[in-house]
C-alpha atoms as a PDB file:
ATOM      1  CA  MET A   1      68.015  46.518   6.117  1.00  0.00           C
ATOM      2  CA  ILE A   2      65.754  43.938   7.701  1.00  0.00           C
ATOM      3  CA  LYS A   3      67.280  41.121   5.658  1.00  0.00           C
ATOM      4  CA  ASN A   4      70.829  42.220   6.521  1.00  0.00           C
ATOM      5  CA  SER A   5      70.088  42.537  10.226  1.00  0.00           C
ATOM      6  CA  THR A   6      68.356  39.178  10.218  1.00  0.00           C
ATOM      7  CA  PHE A   7      71.336  37.541   8.563  1.00  0.00           C
ATOM      8  CA  GLN A   8      73.716  39.203  11.010  1.00  0.00           C
ATOM      9  CA  ASP A   9      71.611  38.021  13.922  1.00  0.00           C
ATOM     10  CA  HIS A  10      71.595  34.431  12.718  1.00  0.00           C
ATOM     11  CA  HIS A  11      74.867  34.068  10.825  1.00  0.00           C
ATOM     12  CA  TYR A  12      76.411  32.075  13.703  1.00  0.00           C
ATOM     13  CA  ASN A  13      73.533  29.593  13.493  1.00  0.00           C
ATOM     14  CA  ILE A  14      73.947  29.430   9.732  1.00  0.00           C
ATOM     15  CA  LEU A  15      77.682  28.789  10.178  1.00  0.00           C
ATOM     16  CA  LEU A  16      76.961  26.018  12.695  1.00  0.00           C
ATOM     17  CA  ILE A  17      74.487  24.354  10.334  1.00  0.00           C
ATOM     18  CA  ALA A  18      77.020  24.558   7.507  1.00  0.00           C
ATOM     19  CA  CYS A  19      79.696  22.951   9.698  1.00  0.00           C
ATOM     20  CA  LEU A  20      77.351  20.139  10.684  1.00  0.00           C
ATOM     21  CA  ALA A  21      76.474  19.585   7.032  1.00  0.00           C
ATOM     22  CA  CYS A  22      80.169  19.362   6.188  1.00  0.00           C
ATOM     23  CA  LEU A  23      80.677  16.829   8.977  1.00  0.00           C
ATOM     24  CA  ILE A  24      77.805  14.707   7.704  1.00  0.00           C
ATOM     25  CA  VAL A  25      79.428  14.667   4.259  1.00  0.00           C
ATOM     26  CA  PHE A  26      83.113  14.460   5.147  1.00  0.00           C
ATOM     27  CA  LEU A  27      83.135  12.034   8.073  1.00  0.00           C
ATOM     28  CA  PRO A  28      81.708   9.097   6.105  1.00  0.00           C
ATOM     29  CA  LEU A  29      83.980  10.144   3.247  1.00  0.00           C
ATOM     30  CA  SER A  30      86.976  10.065   5.581  1.00  0.00           C
ATOM     31  CA  ALA A  31      85.884   6.701   6.953  1.00  0.00           C
ATOM     32  CA  ALA A  32      85.764   5.312   3.426  1.00  0.00           C
ATOM     33  CA  GLN A  33      89.173   6.848   2.808  1.00  0.00           C
ATOM     34  CA  ALA A  34      90.560   5.061   5.865  1.00  0.00           C
ATOM     35  CA  SER A  35      89.040   1.777   4.770  1.00  0.00           C
ATOM     36  CA  SER A  36      90.788   1.996   1.418  1.00  0.00           C
ATOM     37  CA  GLY A  37      94.060   1.304   3.222  1.00  0.00           C
ATOM     38  CA  SER A  38      92.861  -2.250   3.797  1.00  0.00           C
ATOM     39  CA  SER A  39      92.607  -3.085   0.117  1.00  0.00           C
ATOM     40  CA  GLY A  40      95.366  -4.902  -1.700  1.00  0.00           C
ATOM     41  CA  SER A  41      96.137  -1.929  -3.914  1.00  0.00           C
ATOM     42  CA  GLY A  42      96.543   0.267  -0.863  1.00  0.00           C
ATOM     43  CA  HIS A  43      99.013  -2.084   0.773  1.00  0.00           C
ATOM     44  CA  ASP A  44     101.006  -2.505  -2.394  1.00  0.00           C
ATOM     45  CA  THR A  45     101.883   1.170  -2.272  1.00  0.00           C
ATOM     46  CA  HIS A  46     103.416   1.190   1.199  1.00  0.00           C
ATOM     47  CA  SER A  47     106.554   3.236   1.535  1.00  0.00           C
ATOM     48  CA  GLY A  48     109.912   2.084   2.717  1.00  0.00           C
ATOM     49  CA  GLY A  49     109.991  -1.127   4.667  1.00  0.00           C
ATOM     50  CA  HIS A  50     106.225  -1.635   4.506  1.00  0.00           C
ATOM     51  CA  LYS A  51     106.135  -2.353   0.817  1.00  0.00           C
ATOM     52  CA  ALA A  52     107.658  -5.800   0.812  1.00  0.00           C
ATOM     53  CA  PRO A  53     105.659  -7.209   3.755  1.00  0.00           C
ATOM     54  CA  ALA A  54     102.434  -5.980   2.208  1.00  0.00           C
ATOM     55  CA  LYS A  55     103.161  -7.764  -1.029  1.00  0.00           C
ATOM     56  CA  GLY A  56     104.069 -10.875   0.869  1.00  0.00           C
ATOM     57  CA  HIS A  57     100.779 -10.821   2.773  1.00  0.00           C
ATOM     58  CA  ASP A  58      98.790 -10.420  -0.426  1.00  0.00           C
ATOM     59  CA  THR A  59     100.615 -13.246  -2.173  1.00  0.00           C
ATOM     60  CA  HIS A  60     100.215 -15.737   0.645  1.00  0.00           C
ATOM     61  CA  ALA A  61      96.632 -14.716   1.276  1.00  0.00           C
ATOM     62  CA  ALA A  62      95.854 -15.369  -2.386  1.00  0.00           C
ATOM     63  CA  LYS A  63      97.406 -18.809  -2.194  1.00  0.00           C
ATOM     64  CA  GLY A  64      95.750 -19.531   1.136  1.00  0.00           C
ATOM     65  CA  HIS A  65      99.048 -20.392   2.847  1.00  0.00           C
ATOM     66  CA  THR A  66     101.350 -18.697   5.316  1.00  0.00           C
ATOM     67  CA  THR A  67     105.125 -18.508   5.037  1.00  0.00           C
ATOM     68  CA  ASP A  68     105.265 -21.856   6.860  1.00  0.00           C
ATOM     69  CA  GLY A  69     102.989 -23.454   4.268  1.00  0.00           C
ATOM     70  CA  HIS A  70      99.963 -23.712   6.590  1.00  0.00           C
ATOM     71  CA  ALA A  71      96.507 -22.463   5.739  1.00  0.00           C
ATOM     72  CA  THR A  72      95.941 -18.835   6.718  1.00  0.00           C
ATOM     73  CA  GLN A  73      93.517 -18.111   9.494  1.00  0.00           C
ATOM     74  CA  GLY A  74      92.202 -14.858  10.925  1.00  0.00           C
ATOM     75  CA  ASP A  75      92.260 -11.549   9.168  1.00  0.00           C
ATOM     76  CA  HIS A  76      93.413 -12.528   5.682  1.00  0.00           C
ATOM     77  CA  GLN A  77      91.101 -15.481   5.394  1.00  0.00           C
ATOM     78  CA  SER A  78      88.029 -13.759   6.810  1.00  0.00           C
ATOM     79  CA  GLY A  79      88.484 -10.688   4.655  1.00  0.00           C
ATOM     80  CA  ALA A  80      89.164  -8.425   7.647  1.00  0.00           C
ATOM     81  CA  PHE A  81      92.130  -6.123   7.605  1.00  0.00           C
ATOM     82  CA  ASP A  82      95.023  -5.443   9.948  1.00  0.00           C
ATOM     83  CA  MET A  83      94.225  -2.179  11.742  1.00  0.00           C
ATOM     84  CA  GLY A  84      97.823  -1.584  12.803  1.00  0.00           C
ATOM     85  CA  GLU A  85      99.104  -2.047   9.267  1.00  0.00           C
ATOM     86  CA  THR A  86      96.416   0.263   7.912  1.00  0.00           C
ATOM     87  CA  VAL A  87      97.230   2.977  10.466  1.00  0.00           C
ATOM     88  CA  MET A  88     100.934   2.743   9.663  1.00  0.00           C
ATOM     89  CA  HIS A  89     100.185   2.925   5.960  1.00  0.00           C
ATOM     90  CA  HIS A  90      98.359   6.223   6.368  1.00  0.00           C
ATOM     91  CA  LEU A  91     101.046   7.628   8.657  1.00  0.00           C
ATOM     92  CA  VAL A  92     104.231   6.635   6.801  1.00  0.00           C
ATOM     93  CA  ASN A  93     103.183   6.434   3.147  1.00  0.00           C
ATOM     94  CA  ILE A  94     104.998   9.218   1.297  1.00  0.00           C
ATOM     95  CA  GLU A  95     105.215   7.668  -2.179  1.00  0.00           C
ATOM     96  CA  THR A  96     101.541   7.790  -3.211  1.00  0.00           C
ATOM     97  CA  HIS A  97      98.602  10.081  -2.541  1.00  0.00           C
ATOM     98  CA  GLU A  98      94.900   9.296  -2.564  1.00  0.00           C
ATOM     99  CA  LEU A  99      92.500  11.253  -4.747  1.00  0.00           C
ATOM    100  CA  PRO A 100      88.727  11.675  -4.197  1.00  0.00           C
ATOM    101  CA  ILE A 101      88.113   9.283  -7.099  1.00  0.00           C
ATOM    102  CA  LEU A 102      86.687   5.819  -6.474  1.00  0.00           C
ATOM    103  CA  ASN A 103      88.471   3.046  -8.308  1.00  0.00           C
ATOM    104  CA  LYS A 104      87.195  -0.546  -8.524  1.00  0.00           C
ATOM    105  CA  THR A 105      89.853  -3.155  -7.724  1.00  0.00           C
ATOM    106  CA  SER A 106      89.848  -6.923  -7.261  1.00  0.00           C
ATOM    107  CA  HIS A 107      89.372  -6.318  -3.520  1.00  0.00           C
ATOM    108  CA  GLY A 108      86.469  -3.874  -3.907  1.00  0.00           C
ATOM    109  CA  TRP A 109      86.154  -0.139  -4.189  1.00  0.00           C
ATOM    110  CA  ALA A 110      89.087   2.024  -3.112  1.00  0.00           C
ATOM    111  CA  TRP A 111      90.272   5.567  -3.544  1.00  0.00           C
ATOM    112  CA  LYS A 112      92.520   6.048  -6.548  1.00  0.00           C
ATOM    113  CA  GLU A 113      96.164   6.420  -5.603  1.00  0.00           C
ATOM    114  CA  ILE A 114      98.719   8.190  -7.750  1.00  0.00           C
ATOM    115  CA  PRO A 115     102.517   8.056  -7.361  1.00  0.00           C
ATOM    116  CA  VAL A 116     104.010  11.339  -6.177  1.00  0.00           C
ATOM    117  CA  ASP A 117     107.709  10.428  -6.051  1.00  0.00           C
ATOM    118  CA  GLY A 118     108.422  10.398  -9.777  1.00  0.00           C
ATOM    119  CA  LEU A 119     111.223  12.985  -9.594  1.00  0.00           C
ATOM    120  CA  LYS A 120     114.122  11.081  -8.026  1.00  0.00           C
ATOM    121  CA  PHE A 121     117.652  12.395  -7.763  1.00  0.00           C
ATOM    122  CA  SER A 122     120.426  12.737  -5.192  1.00  0.00           C
ATOM    123  CA  VAL A 123     122.945  15.460  -4.382  1.00  0.00           C
ATOM    124  CA  GLY A 124     126.211  14.343  -2.843  1.00  0.00           C
ATOM    125  CA  GLY A 125     124.706  11.003  -1.923  1.00  0.00           C
ATOM    126  CA  ILE A 126     121.727  12.658  -0.200  1.00  0.00           C
ATOM    127  CA  ASP A 127     118.320  11.528  -1.431  1.00  0.00           C
ATOM    128  CA  MET A 128     116.466  14.583  -2.791  1.00  0.00           C
ATOM    129  CA  THR A 129     113.394  12.765  -4.124  1.00  0.00           C
ATOM    130  CA  VAL A 130     110.332  14.989  -4.489  1.00  0.00           C
ATOM    131  CA  ASN A 131     107.788  12.984  -2.479  1.00  0.00           C
ATOM    132  CA  LYS A 132     104.531  13.791  -0.692  1.00  0.00           C
ATOM    133  CA  PRO A 133     106.005  15.891   2.185  1.00  0.00           C
ATOM    134  CA  VAL A 134     108.042  17.923  -0.297  1.00  0.00           C
ATOM    135  CA  ILE A 135     105.006  18.526  -2.517  1.00  0.00           C
ATOM    136  CA  PHE A 136     102.849  19.683   0.398  1.00  0.00           C
ATOM    137  CA  MET A 137     105.640  21.911   1.715  1.00  0.00           C
ATOM    138  CA  MET A 138     105.901  23.536  -1.706  1.00  0.00           C
ATOM    139  CA  LEU A 139     102.140  23.856  -1.881  1.00  0.00           C
ATOM    140  CA  GLY A 140     102.051  25.439   1.588  1.00  0.00           C
ATOM    141  CA  GLY A 141     104.773  27.882   0.629  1.00  0.00           C
ATOM    142  CA  PHE A 142     102.965  28.912  -2.566  1.00  0.00           C
ATOM    143  CA  ILE A 143      99.711  29.393  -0.639  1.00  0.00           C
ATOM    144  CA  LEU A 144     101.447  31.635   1.903  1.00  0.00           C
ATOM    145  CA  LEU A 145     103.080  33.702  -0.832  1.00  0.00           C
ATOM    146  CA  PHE A 146      99.795  34.066  -2.683  1.00  0.00           C
ATOM    147  CA  VAL A 147      97.802  34.997   0.428  1.00  0.00           C
ATOM    148  CA  PHE A 148     100.276  37.598   1.651  1.00  0.00           C
ATOM    149  CA  ILE A 149     100.878  39.121  -1.776  1.00  0.00           C
ATOM    150  CA  ILE A 150      97.131  39.511  -2.308  1.00  0.00           C
ATOM    151  CA  ASN A 151      96.438  40.971   1.128  1.00  0.00           C
ATOM    152  CA  PHE A 152      99.541  43.158   1.542  1.00  0.00           C
ATOM    153  CA  ARG A 153      99.982  44.883  -1.788  1.00  0.00           C
ATOM    154  CA  GLY A 154     102.599  47.576  -1.997  1.00  0.00           C
ATOM    155  CA  GLY A 155     103.326  47.278   1.714  1.00  0.00           C
ATOM    156  CA  LYS A 156      99.749  48.257   2.584  1.00  0.00           C
ATOM    157  CA  LEU A 157      97.158  46.102   4.301  1.00  0.00           C
ATOM    158  CA  MET A 158      94.084  45.375   2.221  1.00  0.00           C
ATOM    159  CA  ARG A 159      90.751  45.981   3.950  1.00  0.00           C
ATOM    160  CA  ASN A 160      89.179  42.534   4.032  1.00  0.00           C
ATOM    161  CA  ARG A 161      88.530  39.914   6.665  1.00  0.00           C
ATOM    162  CA  LEU A 162      91.388  37.618   5.725  1.00  0.00           C
ATOM    163  CA  ALA A 163      93.858  40.499   5.836  1.00  0.00           C
ATOM    164  CA  HIS A 164      92.631  41.482   9.282  1.00  0.00           C
ATOM    165  CA  ILE A 165      93.011  37.888  10.505  1.00  0.00           C
ATOM    166  CA  LEU A 166      96.582  37.787   9.193  1.00  0.00           C
ATOM    167  CA  GLU A 167      97.232  41.120  10.885  1.00  0.00           C
ATOM    168  CA  VAL A 168      96.097  39.676  14.213  1.00  0.00           C
ATOM    169  CA  TYR A 169      98.562  36.799  13.862  1.00  0.00           C
ATOM    170  CA  VAL A 170     101.417  39.119  12.847  1.00  0.00           C
ATOM    171  CA  LEU A 171     100.800  41.578  15.692  1.00  0.00           C
ATOM    172  CA  PHE A 172     100.525  38.749  18.212  1.00  0.00           C
ATOM    173  CA  ILE A 173     103.869  37.213  17.193  1.00  0.00           C
ATOM    174  CA  ARG A 174     105.506  40.643  17.127  1.00  0.00           C
ATOM    175  CA  ASP A 175     104.125  42.139  20.348  1.00  0.00           C
ATOM    176  CA  GLU A 176     103.729  39.018  22.503  1.00  0.00           C
ATOM    177  CA  VAL A 177     106.585  36.767  21.357  1.00  0.00           C
ATOM    178  CA  VAL A 178     109.451  38.504  19.562  1.00  0.00           C
ATOM    179  CA  TYR A 179     109.695  42.002  21.036  1.00  0.00           C
ATOM    180  CA  PRO A 180     109.259  40.967  24.717  1.00  0.00           C
ATOM    181  CA  ASN A 181     112.051  38.381  24.417  1.00  0.00           C
ATOM    182  CA  LEU A 182     114.504  40.035  22.030  1.00  0.00           C
ATOM    183  CA  GLY A 183     113.765  43.712  22.433  1.00  0.00           C
ATOM    184  CA  GLU A 184     112.643  45.980  19.641  1.00  0.00           C
ATOM    185  CA  GLU A 185     116.096  46.492  18.091  1.00  0.00           C
ATOM    186  CA  ASP A 186     116.986  42.811  17.727  1.00  0.00           C
ATOM    187  CA  GLY A 187     113.335  41.868  17.283  1.00  0.00           C
ATOM    188  CA  ARG A 188     113.036  43.872  14.068  1.00  0.00           C
ATOM    189  CA  LYS A 189     115.926  41.906  12.584  1.00  0.00           C
ATOM    190  CA  PHE A 190     114.501  38.486  13.455  1.00  0.00           C
ATOM    191  CA  LEU A 191     110.765  39.195  13.097  1.00  0.00           C
ATOM    192  CA  PRO A 192     110.488  38.096   9.414  1.00  0.00           C
ATOM    193  CA  LEU A 193     112.165  34.788  10.249  1.00  0.00           C
ATOM    194  CA  PHE A 194     109.918  34.016  13.218  1.00  0.00           C
ATOM    195  CA  LEU A 195     106.801  35.001  11.278  1.00  0.00           C
ATOM    196  CA  THR A 196     107.911  32.603   8.532  1.00  0.00           C
ATOM    197  CA  PHE A 197     108.415  29.852  11.102  1.00  0.00           C
ATOM    198  CA  PHE A 198     104.961  30.400  12.568  1.00  0.00           C
ATOM    199  CA  PHE A 199     102.927  30.665   9.360  1.00  0.00           C
ATOM    200  CA  PHE A 200     104.796  27.893   7.548  1.00  0.00           C
ATOM    201  CA  ILE A 201     104.396  25.395  10.400  1.00  0.00           C
ATOM    202  CA  LEU A 202     100.767  26.462  10.883  1.00  0.00           C
ATOM    203  CA  ILE A 203      99.795  25.829   7.265  1.00  0.00           C
ATOM    204  CA  LEU A 204     101.625  22.475   7.279  1.00  0.00           C
ATOM    205  CA  ASN A 205      99.709  21.464  10.401  1.00  0.00           C
ATOM    206  CA  LEU A 206      96.323  22.614   9.063  1.00  0.00           C
ATOM    207  CA  SER A 207      96.767  20.893   5.695  1.00  0.00           C
ATOM    208  CA  GLY A 208      96.418  17.522   7.396  1.00  0.00           C
ATOM    209  CA  LEU A 209      92.944  18.367   8.711  1.00  0.00           C
ATOM    210  CA  ILE A 210      91.266  18.672   5.312  1.00  0.00           C
ATOM    211  CA  PRO A 211      89.945  15.606   3.472  1.00  0.00           C
ATOM    212  CA  PHE A 212      92.632  14.012   1.289  1.00  0.00           C
ATOM    213  CA  GLY A 213      95.163  16.447   2.695  1.00  0.00           C
ATOM    214  CA  TYR A 214      98.529  15.647   4.251  1.00  0.00           C
ATOM    215  CA  SER A 215     100.424  17.233   7.123  1.00  0.00           C
ATOM    216  CA  ALA A 216     104.095  17.429   6.204  1.00  0.00           C
ATOM    217  CA  SER A 217     104.947  18.351   9.800  1.00  0.00           C
ATOM    218  CA  ALA A 218     103.920  14.799  10.793  1.00  0.00           C
ATOM    219  CA  ASN A 219     107.062  13.595   8.991  1.00  0.00           C
ATOM    220  CA  ILE A 220     110.186  13.401  11.151  1.00  0.00           C
ATOM    221  CA  ASN A 221     112.407  14.549   8.267  1.00  0.00           C
ATOM    222  CA  VAL A 222     110.445  17.784   7.909  1.00  0.00           C
ATOM    223  CA  THR A 223     110.557  18.627  11.613  1.00  0.00           C
ATOM    224  CA  ALA A 224     114.255  17.709  11.689  1.00  0.00           C
ATOM    225  CA  GLY A 225     114.873  20.146   8.826  1.00  0.00           C
ATOM    226  CA  LEU A 226     113.034  22.897  10.693  1.00  0.00           C
ATOM    227  CA  ALA A 227     115.030  22.103  13.834  1.00  0.00           C
ATOM    228  CA  ILE A 228     118.330  22.300  11.931  1.00  0.00           C
ATOM    229  CA  VAL A 229     117.349  25.728  10.592  1.00  0.00           C
ATOM    230  CA  ALA A 230     116.485  26.792  14.162  1.00  0.00           C
ATOM    231  CA  LEU A 231     119.884  25.504  15.385  1.00  0.00           C
ATOM    232  CA  LEU A 232     121.711  27.488  12.691  1.00  0.00           C
ATOM    233  CA  VAL A 233     119.738  30.621  13.561  1.00  0.00           C
ATOM    234  CA  ILE A 234     120.406  30.235  17.299  1.00  0.00           C
ATOM    235  CA  GLN A 235     124.143  29.737  16.910  1.00  0.00           C
ATOM    236  CA  GLY A 236     124.446  32.152  13.987  1.00  0.00           C
ATOM    237  CA  ALA A 237     122.899  34.944  16.066  1.00  0.00           C
ATOM    238  CA  GLY A 238     125.537  34.473  18.755  1.00  0.00           C
ATOM    239  CA  ILE A 239     128.398  34.263  16.250  1.00  0.00           C
ATOM    240  CA  ALA A 240     127.217  37.417  14.457  1.00  0.00           C
ATOM    241  CA  LYS A 241     127.064  39.393  17.714  1.00  0.00           C
ATOM    242  CA  PHE A 242     130.085  38.121  19.673  1.00  0.00           C
ATOM    243  CA  GLY A 243     132.292  36.372  17.120  1.00  0.00           C
ATOM    244  CA  PHE A 244     132.913  32.670  16.661  1.00  0.00           C
ATOM    245  CA  PHE A 245     135.359  31.957  19.512  1.00  0.00           C
ATOM    246  CA  THR A 246     133.796  34.338  22.033  1.00  0.00           C
ATOM    247  CA  HIS A 247     130.332  32.916  21.413  1.00  0.00           C
ATOM    248  CA  PHE A 248     131.286  29.256  21.806  1.00  0.00           C
ATOM    249  CA  ARG A 249     133.559  29.991  24.755  1.00  0.00           C
ATOM    250  CA  SER A 250     130.661  31.576  26.653  1.00  0.00           C
ATOM    251  CA  ALA A 251     128.266  28.848  25.458  1.00  0.00           C
ATOM    252  CA  LEU A 252     130.493  25.891  26.386  1.00  0.00           C
ATOM    253  CA  VAL A 253     132.472  27.247  29.328  1.00  0.00           C
ATOM    254  CA  PRO A 254     130.402  28.735  32.185  1.00  0.00           C
ATOM    255  CA  SER A 255     132.051  31.726  33.826  1.00  0.00           C
ATOM    256  CA  GLY A 256     133.925  31.090  37.062  1.00  0.00           C
ATOM    257  CA  LEU A 257     134.136  27.340  36.493  1.00  0.00           C
ATOM    258  CA  PRO A 258     137.259  25.639  37.934  1.00  0.00           C
ATOM    259  CA  TRP A 259     139.379  24.194  35.149  1.00  0.00           C
ATOM    260  CA  PRO A 260     139.239  20.547  36.362  1.00  0.00           C
ATOM    261  CA  LEU A 261     135.484  20.591  35.729  1.00  0.00           C
ATOM    262  CA  LEU A 262     135.898  21.690  32.115  1.00  0.00           C
ATOM    263  CA  PHE A 263     136.250  18.076  30.961  1.00  0.00           C
ATOM    264  CA  ILE A 264     132.791  17.370  32.392  1.00  0.00           C
ATOM    265  CA  MET A 265     130.934  20.609  31.650  1.00  0.00           C
ATOM    266  CA  ILE A 266     131.994  21.162  28.028  1.00  0.00           C
ATOM    267  CA  PRO A 267     130.423  17.890  26.784  1.00  0.00           C
ATOM    268  CA  ILE A 268     127.317  18.579  28.891  1.00  0.00           C
ATOM    269  CA  GLU A 269     126.968  22.107  27.486  1.00  0.00           C
ATOM    270  CA  PHE A 270     127.483  20.792  23.960  1.00  0.00           C
ATOM    271  CA  VAL A 271     124.725  18.226  24.467  1.00  0.00           C
ATOM    272  CA  GLY A 272     122.530  21.070  25.728  1.00  0.00           C
ATOM    273  CA  ILE A 273     123.129  23.026  22.513  1.00  0.00           C
ATOM    274  CA  VAL A 274     122.053  20.042  20.393  1.00  0.00           C
ATOM    275  CA  ALA A 275     119.191  19.047  22.712  1.00  0.00           C
ATOM    276  CA  LYS A 276     117.293  22.312  22.219  1.00  0.00           C
ATOM    277  CA  PRO A 277     116.540  21.871  18.489  1.00  0.00           C
ATOM    278  CA  PHE A 278     116.136  18.118  19.022  1.00  0.00           C
ATOM    279  CA  ALA A 279     113.334  18.845  21.494  1.00  0.00           C
ATOM    280  CA  LEU A 280     111.708  21.185  18.953  1.00  0.00           C
ATOM    281  CA  CYS A 281     111.853  18.433  16.328  1.00  0.00           C
ATOM    282  CA  ILE A 282     110.401  15.636  18.466  1.00  0.00           C
ATOM    283  CA  ARG A 283     107.702  17.783  20.099  1.00  0.00           C
ATOM    284  CA  LEU A 284     106.231  18.954  16.799  1.00  0.00           C
ATOM    285  CA  PHE A 285     106.471  15.525  15.165  1.00  0.00           C
ATOM    286  CA  ALA A 286     105.015  13.575  18.113  1.00  0.00           C
ATOM    287  CA  ASN A 287     102.029  15.871  18.632  1.00  0.00           C
ATOM    288  CA  LEU A 288     101.021  15.817  14.966  1.00  0.00           C
ATOM    289  CA  VAL A 289     101.452  12.054  14.589  1.00  0.00           C
ATOM    290  CA  ALA A 290      99.525  11.320  17.786  1.00  0.00           C
ATOM    291  CA  GLY A 291      96.535  13.379  16.673  1.00  0.00           C
ATOM    292  CA  HIS A 292      96.417  11.875  13.188  1.00  0.00           C
ATOM    293  CA  ALA A 293      96.790   8.346  14.563  1.00  0.00           C
ATOM    294  CA  ALA A 294      93.883   8.894  16.967  1.00  0.00           C
ATOM    295  CA  LEU A 295      91.670  10.155  14.136  1.00  0.00           C
ATOM    296  CA  ILE A 296      92.541   7.196  11.892  1.00  0.00           C
ATOM    297  CA  VAL A 297      91.893   4.669  14.671  1.00  0.00           C
ATOM    298  CA  LEU A 298      88.468   6.173  15.401  1.00  0.00           C
ATOM    299  CA  LEU A 299      87.610   6.058  11.710  1.00  0.00           C
ATOM    300  CA  LEU A 300      88.656   2.435  11.518  1.00  0.00           C
ATOM    301  CA  LEU A 301      86.450   1.572  14.489  1.00  0.00           C
ATOM    302  CA  ILE A 302      83.446   2.387  12.293  1.00  0.00           C
ATOM    303  CA  ILE A 303      84.702  -0.062   9.679  1.00  0.00           C
ATOM    304  CA  VAL A 304      85.654  -2.780  12.153  1.00  0.00           C
ATOM    305  CA  GLY A 305      82.282  -2.539  13.892  1.00  0.00           C
ATOM    306  CA  LYS A 306      80.395  -2.882  10.591  1.00  0.00           C
ATOM    307  CA  SER A 307      77.301  -1.343  12.143  1.00  0.00           C
ATOM    308  CA  PHE A 308      75.577   2.018  11.908  1.00  0.00           C
ATOM    309  CA  ILE A 309      74.619   1.649  15.570  1.00  0.00           C
ATOM    310  CA  ILE A 310      78.156   2.198  16.878  1.00  0.00           C
ATOM    311  CA  ALA A 311      79.132   4.716  14.170  1.00  0.00           C
ATOM    312  CA  PRO A 312      77.861   7.829  16.045  1.00  0.00           C
ATOM    313  CA  PHE A 313      80.166   7.193  19.007  1.00  0.00           C
ATOM    314  CA  PRO A 314      83.448   7.247  17.035  1.00  0.00           C
ATOM    315  CA  MET A 315      82.090  10.218  15.080  1.00  0.00           C
ATOM    316  CA  VAL A 316      81.635  12.182  18.324  1.00  0.00           C
ATOM    317  CA  GLY A 317      85.222  11.333  19.227  1.00  0.00           C
ATOM    318  CA  ILE A 318      86.391  12.356  15.759  1.00  0.00           C
ATOM    319  CA  LEU A 319      84.606  15.687  16.079  1.00  0.00           C
ATOM    320  CA  PHE A 320      86.204  16.303  19.481  1.00  0.00           C
ATOM    321  CA  ILE A 321      89.716  15.312  18.366  1.00  0.00           C
ATOM    322  CA  SER A 322      89.379  17.310  15.138  1.00  0.00           C
ATOM    323  CA  THR A 323      88.546  20.378  17.218  1.00  0.00           C
ATOM    324  CA  MET A 324      91.525  19.642  19.444  1.00  0.00           C
ATOM    325  CA  GLU A 325      93.735  19.159  16.392  1.00  0.00           C
ATOM    326  CA  LEU A 326      92.725  22.607  15.129  1.00  0.00           C
ATOM    327  CA  PHE A 327      93.876  24.013  18.462  1.00  0.00           C
ATOM    328  CA  VAL A 328      97.037  21.862  18.506  1.00  0.00           C
ATOM    329  CA  ALA A 329      97.951  23.022  14.981  1.00  0.00           C
ATOM    330  CA  HIS A 330      98.070  26.619  16.238  1.00  0.00           C
ATOM    331  CA  LEU A 331      99.620  25.675  19.579  1.00  0.00           C
ATOM    332  CA  GLN A 332     102.530  23.724  18.096  1.00  0.00           C
ATOM    333  CA  ALA A 333     103.318  26.481  15.593  1.00  0.00           C
ATOM    334  CA  PHE A 334     103.294  28.958  18.480  1.00  0.00           C
ATOM    335  CA  ILE A 335     105.444  26.743  20.742  1.00  0.00           C
ATOM    336  CA  PHE A 336     108.052  26.142  18.035  1.00  0.00           C
ATOM    337  CA  THR A 337     108.234  29.885  17.371  1.00  0.00           C
ATOM    338  CA  ILE A 338     108.367  31.069  20.976  1.00  0.00           C
ATOM    339  CA  LEU A 339     110.947  28.456  22.045  1.00  0.00           C
ATOM    340  CA  THR A 340     113.191  29.361  19.125  1.00  0.00           C
ATOM    341  CA  THR A 341     112.798  33.011  20.111  1.00  0.00           C
ATOM    342  CA  LEU A 342     113.745  32.204  23.710  1.00  0.00           C
ATOM    343  CA  PHE A 343     116.798  30.222  22.605  1.00  0.00           C
ATOM    344  CA  VAL A 344     117.942  33.098  20.386  1.00  0.00           C
ATOM    345  CA  SER A 345     117.362  35.508  23.287  1.00  0.00           C
ATOM    346  CA  LEU A 346     119.519  33.352  25.604  1.00  0.00           C
ATOM    347  CA  THR A 347     122.258  33.353  22.956  1.00  0.00           C
ATOM    348  CA  LEU A 348     122.163  37.131  22.471  1.00  0.00           C
ATOM    349  CA  HIS A 349     121.885  37.857  26.203  1.00  0.00           C
ATOM    350  CA  PRO A 350     123.903  35.124  27.951  1.00  0.00           C
ATOM    351  CA  SER A 351     123.981  37.090  31.220  1.00  0.00           C
ATOM    352  CA  HIS A 352     120.205  36.576  31.564  1.00  0.00           C
END
């Protein structure tokens, strides 16, 4: 009993020490991971439009000439790297993924990168390549299925800490978001969808905060896909309740509007319908990208400074922003869910 009570009295201190130990291990590891983007092998694996310029820089740097034929000066000649190019590489690269395996290259040590876009195909002219965002979305979905199946067997809540944490999230979304805005009758119909929105976006956001992880919600295509689903749900709810013509007539034509103003108001109302999911898309994408970019820049400051004296200052900033990112990951999942709920509520109750 004494040992248990002692542990219970000090388990917060033990948790704090464990977190500090993890920071001591993972922050230098993350800094080394960021520095690997400056190597030639890292730049060769840029996605999209960054691949060709990177190869061009490496070729000319090796020859010692620029595209104009003059000797290179600055970053390539001194061995320094382009911070902007490195940041963009970590933000937009979706074709390769770094593993926690050091690999010696001609430019020094770097994390081993593996291609993750091997399965390439298109449907109706639409590129359906399985790349890094797709893989992490699938991984997030499998994790959610596994966690909920384990903790809610046979429709009953298992008695463990993780199950109780999940229950808190579920009850919060149900009692503070869905039911107050949609009512209990409509809320029961839409609750599974909004819970899926919340947990799926949350796990995508959190996956970018672990070492060698990736946040698929920091990709504009992923947030656009979520926004399109939200748009279909918003308009589908109105069509299911009022019918196609009645719904769009009330959505596009305000009641009591003089007919000469219809030519002005209908396009404005249509833009408003599209603007709602567009705002959801950009808000989620911008917040996630901004946080990740700030973390990468702080990590690169340690490398650019090349001194252990200045390293603690960026590390304090990294710790602060990482804590904020943990909060933002929850906040953005909540905002996406509650705004979609409000938009559905406005569609189902246009008089309000």
